[in-house]
N, C-alpha and C. Protein backbone atom coordinates (compact mmCIF):
# COMPACT_ATOMS: atom_id res chain seq x y z
N MET A 1 -146.23 -73.93 -55.50
CA MET A 1 -145.03 -74.05 -54.80
C MET A 1 -144.21 -75.26 -55.14
N SER A 2 -143.02 -75.11 -55.25
CA SER A 2 -142.26 -76.25 -55.64
C SER A 2 -142.45 -77.32 -54.81
N LYS A 3 -142.57 -78.60 -55.27
CA LYS A 3 -142.76 -79.71 -54.44
C LYS A 3 -141.75 -80.01 -53.49
N LYS A 4 -140.30 -79.50 -53.76
CA LYS A 4 -139.43 -79.64 -52.98
C LYS A 4 -139.45 -78.89 -51.72
N TYR A 5 -140.22 -77.87 -51.63
CA TYR A 5 -140.47 -77.12 -50.44
C TYR A 5 -141.83 -77.62 -49.76
N ARG A 6 -142.53 -78.28 -50.33
CA ARG A 6 -143.97 -78.54 -49.84
C ARG A 6 -143.95 -79.72 -48.98
N ASP A 7 -144.20 -79.52 -47.66
CA ASP A 7 -144.23 -80.61 -46.80
C ASP A 7 -145.25 -80.28 -45.72
N GLU A 8 -145.36 -81.08 -44.61
CA GLU A 8 -146.37 -80.90 -43.54
C GLU A 8 -146.06 -79.52 -42.82
N ASN A 9 -144.89 -79.24 -42.70
CA ASN A 9 -144.44 -78.11 -41.81
C ASN A 9 -144.83 -76.80 -42.67
N THR A 10 -144.55 -76.81 -44.10
CA THR A 10 -144.75 -75.58 -44.91
C THR A 10 -146.36 -75.52 -44.98
N ASP A 11 -147.17 -76.65 -45.18
CA ASP A 11 -148.56 -76.51 -45.23
C ASP A 11 -148.96 -75.92 -43.96
N MET A 12 -148.52 -76.09 -42.86
CA MET A 12 -148.88 -75.54 -41.47
C MET A 12 -148.44 -74.16 -41.47
N LEU A 13 -147.47 -73.72 -41.94
CA LEU A 13 -146.93 -72.27 -42.17
C LEU A 13 -148.11 -71.50 -43.01
N MET A 14 -148.47 -72.10 -44.20
CA MET A 14 -149.27 -71.52 -45.09
C MET A 14 -150.77 -71.41 -44.25
N LYS A 15 -151.24 -72.38 -43.68
CA LYS A 15 -152.42 -72.30 -42.98
C LYS A 15 -152.48 -71.23 -41.88
N ALA A 16 -151.27 -71.06 -41.23
CA ALA A 16 -151.19 -70.20 -40.13
C ALA A 16 -151.26 -68.62 -40.77
N VAL A 17 -150.72 -68.40 -41.79
CA VAL A 17 -150.68 -67.25 -42.67
C VAL A 17 -152.32 -66.83 -42.96
N MET A 18 -153.02 -67.72 -43.42
CA MET A 18 -154.23 -67.87 -43.91
C MET A 18 -155.28 -67.55 -42.52
N SER A 19 -154.78 -68.04 -41.42
CA SER A 19 -155.80 -67.95 -40.34
C SER A 19 -155.99 -66.54 -39.71
N ALA A 20 -155.05 -65.66 -39.97
CA ALA A 20 -155.14 -64.23 -39.57
C ALA A 20 -156.39 -63.68 -39.61
N ASP A 21 -156.96 -63.02 -38.83
CA ASP A 21 -158.29 -62.47 -38.96
C ASP A 21 -158.41 -61.06 -39.55
N ASN A 22 -157.22 -60.38 -39.41
CA ASN A 22 -157.09 -58.99 -39.76
C ASN A 22 -155.75 -58.67 -39.93
N ILE A 23 -155.37 -57.54 -40.42
CA ILE A 23 -154.03 -56.95 -40.87
C ILE A 23 -153.20 -56.93 -39.69
N GLU A 24 -153.69 -56.48 -38.46
CA GLU A 24 -152.77 -56.52 -37.40
C GLU A 24 -152.35 -57.88 -36.91
N GLU A 25 -153.25 -58.83 -37.10
CA GLU A 25 -152.70 -60.41 -36.70
C GLU A 25 -151.66 -60.61 -37.65
N CYS A 26 -151.95 -60.36 -39.06
CA CYS A 26 -150.67 -60.50 -39.81
C CYS A 26 -149.40 -59.97 -39.58
N TYR A 27 -149.46 -58.64 -39.17
CA TYR A 27 -148.34 -58.01 -38.62
C TYR A 27 -147.75 -58.72 -37.44
N ASP A 28 -148.41 -59.04 -36.51
CA ASP A 28 -147.97 -59.64 -35.23
C ASP A 28 -147.34 -61.15 -35.73
N PHE A 29 -147.93 -61.87 -36.62
CA PHE A 29 -147.51 -63.09 -36.93
C PHE A 29 -146.07 -63.01 -37.74
N PHE A 30 -146.12 -62.06 -38.72
CA PHE A 30 -144.91 -61.90 -39.43
C PHE A 30 -143.62 -61.28 -38.61
N ARG A 31 -144.10 -60.55 -37.76
CA ARG A 31 -143.03 -59.71 -36.95
C ARG A 31 -142.34 -60.95 -36.02
N ASP A 32 -143.19 -61.94 -35.69
CA ASP A 32 -142.70 -62.98 -34.80
C ASP A 32 -141.84 -63.85 -35.52
N LEU A 33 -142.28 -64.12 -36.76
CA LEU A 33 -141.62 -65.11 -37.56
C LEU A 33 -140.45 -64.65 -38.34
N CYS A 34 -140.49 -63.60 -38.79
CA CYS A 34 -139.32 -62.93 -39.64
C CYS A 34 -138.57 -61.85 -39.00
N THR A 35 -137.43 -61.59 -39.68
CA THR A 35 -136.66 -60.44 -39.07
C THR A 35 -137.23 -59.25 -39.85
N ASP A 36 -136.75 -58.04 -39.50
CA ASP A 36 -137.20 -56.86 -40.14
C ASP A 36 -136.95 -56.70 -41.63
N SER A 37 -135.58 -57.18 -41.76
CA SER A 37 -135.05 -57.34 -43.26
C SER A 37 -135.82 -58.25 -44.17
N GLU A 38 -136.14 -59.35 -43.52
CA GLU A 38 -136.99 -60.34 -44.42
C GLU A 38 -138.52 -59.79 -44.66
N ILE A 39 -139.00 -59.15 -43.78
CA ILE A 39 -140.31 -58.55 -44.05
C ILE A 39 -140.21 -57.32 -45.20
N LYS A 40 -139.16 -56.44 -44.98
CA LYS A 40 -138.83 -55.54 -45.89
C LYS A 40 -138.51 -55.95 -47.27
N ALA A 41 -137.78 -57.14 -47.48
CA ALA A 41 -137.56 -57.77 -48.60
C ALA A 41 -138.73 -58.32 -49.41
N MET A 42 -139.64 -58.91 -48.63
CA MET A 42 -140.79 -59.47 -49.28
C MET A 42 -141.79 -58.43 -49.74
N SER A 43 -141.98 -57.16 -48.98
CA SER A 43 -142.81 -56.26 -49.24
C SER A 43 -142.16 -55.45 -50.63
N GLU A 44 -140.94 -55.46 -50.67
CA GLU A 44 -140.16 -54.62 -51.91
C GLU A 44 -140.42 -55.64 -53.03
N ARG A 45 -140.33 -56.92 -52.82
CA ARG A 45 -140.70 -57.88 -53.97
C ARG A 45 -142.16 -57.46 -54.62
N PHE A 46 -142.98 -57.48 -53.51
CA PHE A 46 -144.46 -57.39 -54.06
C PHE A 46 -144.61 -55.80 -54.63
N GLN A 47 -143.96 -54.92 -54.11
CA GLN A 47 -144.11 -53.76 -54.55
C GLN A 47 -143.50 -53.77 -56.13
N VAL A 48 -142.46 -54.26 -56.31
CA VAL A 48 -141.79 -54.38 -57.66
C VAL A 48 -142.79 -55.18 -58.67
N ALA A 49 -143.53 -56.13 -58.05
CA ALA A 49 -144.35 -57.01 -59.05
C ALA A 49 -145.56 -56.20 -59.29
N ARG A 50 -146.10 -55.10 -58.41
CA ARG A 50 -147.06 -54.43 -58.83
C ARG A 50 -146.63 -53.50 -59.88
N MET A 51 -145.55 -52.85 -59.66
CA MET A 51 -145.08 -51.77 -60.47
C MET A 51 -144.69 -52.37 -61.97
N LEU A 52 -144.25 -53.58 -61.90
CA LEU A 52 -144.02 -54.34 -63.20
C LEU A 52 -145.53 -54.50 -64.00
N ARG A 53 -146.42 -55.04 -63.18
CA ARG A 53 -147.73 -54.97 -63.81
C ARG A 53 -148.34 -53.75 -64.11
N GLU A 54 -147.90 -52.70 -63.78
CA GLU A 54 -148.24 -51.27 -64.29
C GLU A 54 -147.40 -50.87 -65.37
N SER A 55 -146.53 -51.86 -65.93
CA SER A 55 -145.73 -51.49 -66.98
C SER A 55 -144.69 -50.31 -66.83
N ARG A 56 -144.28 -50.34 -65.48
CA ARG A 56 -143.27 -49.30 -65.23
C ARG A 56 -141.92 -49.97 -65.70
N VAL A 57 -140.98 -49.01 -66.02
CA VAL A 57 -139.70 -49.47 -66.56
C VAL A 57 -138.74 -49.63 -65.41
N TYR A 58 -137.73 -50.42 -65.67
CA TYR A 58 -136.71 -50.74 -64.54
C TYR A 58 -136.14 -49.57 -63.97
N SER A 59 -135.70 -48.50 -64.68
CA SER A 59 -134.97 -47.39 -64.05
C SER A 59 -136.00 -46.69 -63.10
N ASP A 60 -137.35 -46.58 -63.34
CA ASP A 60 -138.15 -46.14 -62.51
C ASP A 60 -138.41 -46.82 -61.10
N ILE A 61 -138.45 -48.23 -61.35
CA ILE A 61 -138.54 -49.09 -60.25
C ILE A 61 -137.36 -49.08 -59.40
N VAL A 62 -136.19 -49.01 -60.04
CA VAL A 62 -134.83 -48.82 -59.14
C VAL A 62 -134.79 -47.69 -58.21
N ARG A 63 -135.33 -46.60 -58.82
CA ARG A 63 -135.27 -45.36 -58.21
C ARG A 63 -136.45 -45.39 -57.07
N GLU A 64 -137.73 -45.79 -57.61
CA GLU A 64 -138.80 -45.44 -56.53
C GLU A 64 -138.80 -46.65 -55.58
N ALA A 65 -138.46 -47.82 -55.91
CA ALA A 65 -138.61 -48.93 -54.93
C ALA A 65 -137.28 -49.21 -54.22
N GLN A 66 -136.25 -48.38 -54.80
CA GLN A 66 -134.87 -48.69 -54.12
C GLN A 66 -134.35 -50.00 -54.00
N VAL A 67 -134.45 -50.74 -55.04
CA VAL A 67 -134.09 -52.22 -55.28
C VAL A 67 -133.10 -52.38 -56.41
N GLY A 68 -132.43 -53.35 -56.46
CA GLY A 68 -131.36 -53.52 -57.60
C GLY A 68 -132.19 -54.21 -58.77
N THR A 69 -131.45 -54.15 -59.90
CA THR A 69 -132.09 -54.82 -61.04
C THR A 69 -132.25 -56.25 -60.95
N ALA A 70 -131.27 -56.91 -60.23
CA ALA A 70 -131.37 -58.40 -60.02
C ALA A 70 -132.73 -58.84 -59.42
N THR A 71 -133.09 -57.86 -58.42
CA THR A 71 -134.35 -58.24 -57.73
C THR A 71 -135.52 -57.94 -58.78
N ILE A 72 -135.52 -56.97 -59.51
CA ILE A 72 -136.41 -56.73 -60.55
C ILE A 72 -136.61 -57.85 -61.52
N SER A 73 -135.46 -58.26 -61.88
CA SER A 73 -135.37 -59.46 -62.88
C SER A 73 -135.97 -60.73 -62.34
N ARG A 74 -135.44 -61.07 -61.19
CA ARG A 74 -136.14 -62.39 -60.65
C ARG A 74 -137.80 -62.16 -60.26
N VAL A 75 -138.26 -61.02 -60.06
CA VAL A 75 -139.64 -60.81 -59.76
C VAL A 75 -140.30 -60.92 -61.16
N ASN A 76 -139.74 -60.36 -62.01
CA ASN A 76 -140.26 -60.39 -63.41
C ASN A 76 -140.38 -61.70 -63.96
N ASN A 77 -139.11 -62.50 -63.86
CA ASN A 77 -139.25 -63.92 -64.15
C ASN A 77 -140.30 -64.76 -63.51
N ASN A 78 -140.56 -64.41 -62.21
CA ASN A 78 -141.60 -65.28 -61.49
C ASN A 78 -143.19 -64.72 -62.08
N LEU A 79 -143.19 -63.38 -62.46
CA LEU A 79 -144.27 -63.06 -63.16
C LEU A 79 -144.73 -63.80 -64.43
N ILE A 80 -143.51 -63.97 -65.16
CA ILE A 80 -143.66 -64.73 -66.40
C ILE A 80 -143.90 -66.16 -66.31
N ASN A 81 -142.87 -66.74 -65.65
CA ASN A 81 -142.75 -68.10 -65.50
C ASN A 81 -143.27 -68.81 -64.24
N GLY A 82 -143.91 -68.01 -63.22
CA GLY A 82 -144.17 -68.56 -61.99
C GLY A 82 -145.58 -69.11 -61.94
N THR A 83 -146.10 -69.19 -60.78
CA THR A 83 -147.52 -70.02 -60.57
C THR A 83 -148.62 -69.06 -60.76
N GLY A 84 -148.37 -67.73 -60.90
CA GLY A 84 -149.53 -66.69 -60.76
C GLY A 84 -149.97 -66.22 -59.36
N GLY A 85 -148.94 -66.64 -58.64
CA GLY A 85 -149.34 -66.05 -57.06
C GLY A 85 -149.34 -64.56 -57.17
N TYR A 86 -148.27 -64.09 -57.65
CA TYR A 86 -148.20 -62.55 -57.57
C TYR A 86 -149.59 -62.02 -58.09
N ASP A 87 -149.86 -62.30 -59.42
CA ASP A 87 -151.07 -61.64 -60.09
C ASP A 87 -152.40 -61.95 -59.36
N ARG A 88 -152.53 -63.22 -58.50
CA ARG A 88 -153.67 -63.39 -57.72
C ARG A 88 -153.72 -62.38 -56.60
N ALA A 89 -152.48 -62.34 -56.06
CA ALA A 89 -152.36 -61.27 -54.80
C ALA A 89 -152.60 -59.83 -55.27
N ILE A 90 -152.01 -59.31 -56.37
CA ILE A 90 -152.26 -58.02 -56.71
C ILE A 90 -153.66 -57.87 -57.04
N GLY A 91 -154.41 -58.82 -57.73
CA GLY A 91 -155.75 -58.59 -58.08
C GLY A 91 -156.61 -58.51 -56.81
N ARG A 92 -156.21 -59.24 -55.85
CA ARG A 92 -157.16 -59.41 -54.63
C ARG A 92 -156.89 -58.23 -53.67
N THR A 93 -155.84 -57.52 -53.78
CA THR A 93 -155.51 -56.39 -52.96
C THR A 93 -155.68 -55.18 -53.67
N GLY A 94 -156.29 -55.09 -54.80
CA GLY A 94 -156.28 -53.90 -55.48
C GLY A 94 -155.06 -53.34 -55.87
N GLY A 95 -153.94 -54.05 -56.12
CA GLY A 95 -152.60 -53.84 -55.86
C GLY A 95 -151.86 -52.70 -56.77
N GLU A 96 -152.44 -51.70 -57.03
CA GLU A 96 -151.79 -50.70 -57.67
C GLU A 96 -150.61 -50.12 -56.71
N SER A 97 -149.60 -49.77 -57.30
CA SER A 97 -148.55 -49.24 -56.55
C SER A 97 -148.89 -47.75 -56.19
N ARG A 98 -148.28 -47.59 -54.94
CA ARG A 98 -148.56 -46.12 -54.46
C ARG A 98 -147.68 -45.03 -55.05
N GLU A 99 -146.65 -45.44 -55.85
CA GLU A 99 -145.84 -44.58 -56.36
C GLU A 99 -146.45 -43.82 -57.59
């Protein structure tokens, strides 16, 4: 994470996410923390990352994930130049796309 965002409050947020005992607790926490649109946007980005790692082409991702090319480009940039967070999460979740 960028040092500009990392502080005591952000550390506490990350610890709270990590403290969930199961998927239902994660749903409960994120539902209280985020709007429906924010949750949908995050899940779409993760879906796009999984599809890119499956070497899916942009046109297929646009059609199946129903996201714009700007979202795909941002996710792809983070896959290439980011911290490896997407790849770790994909690997740990068996992250193949359902499509």
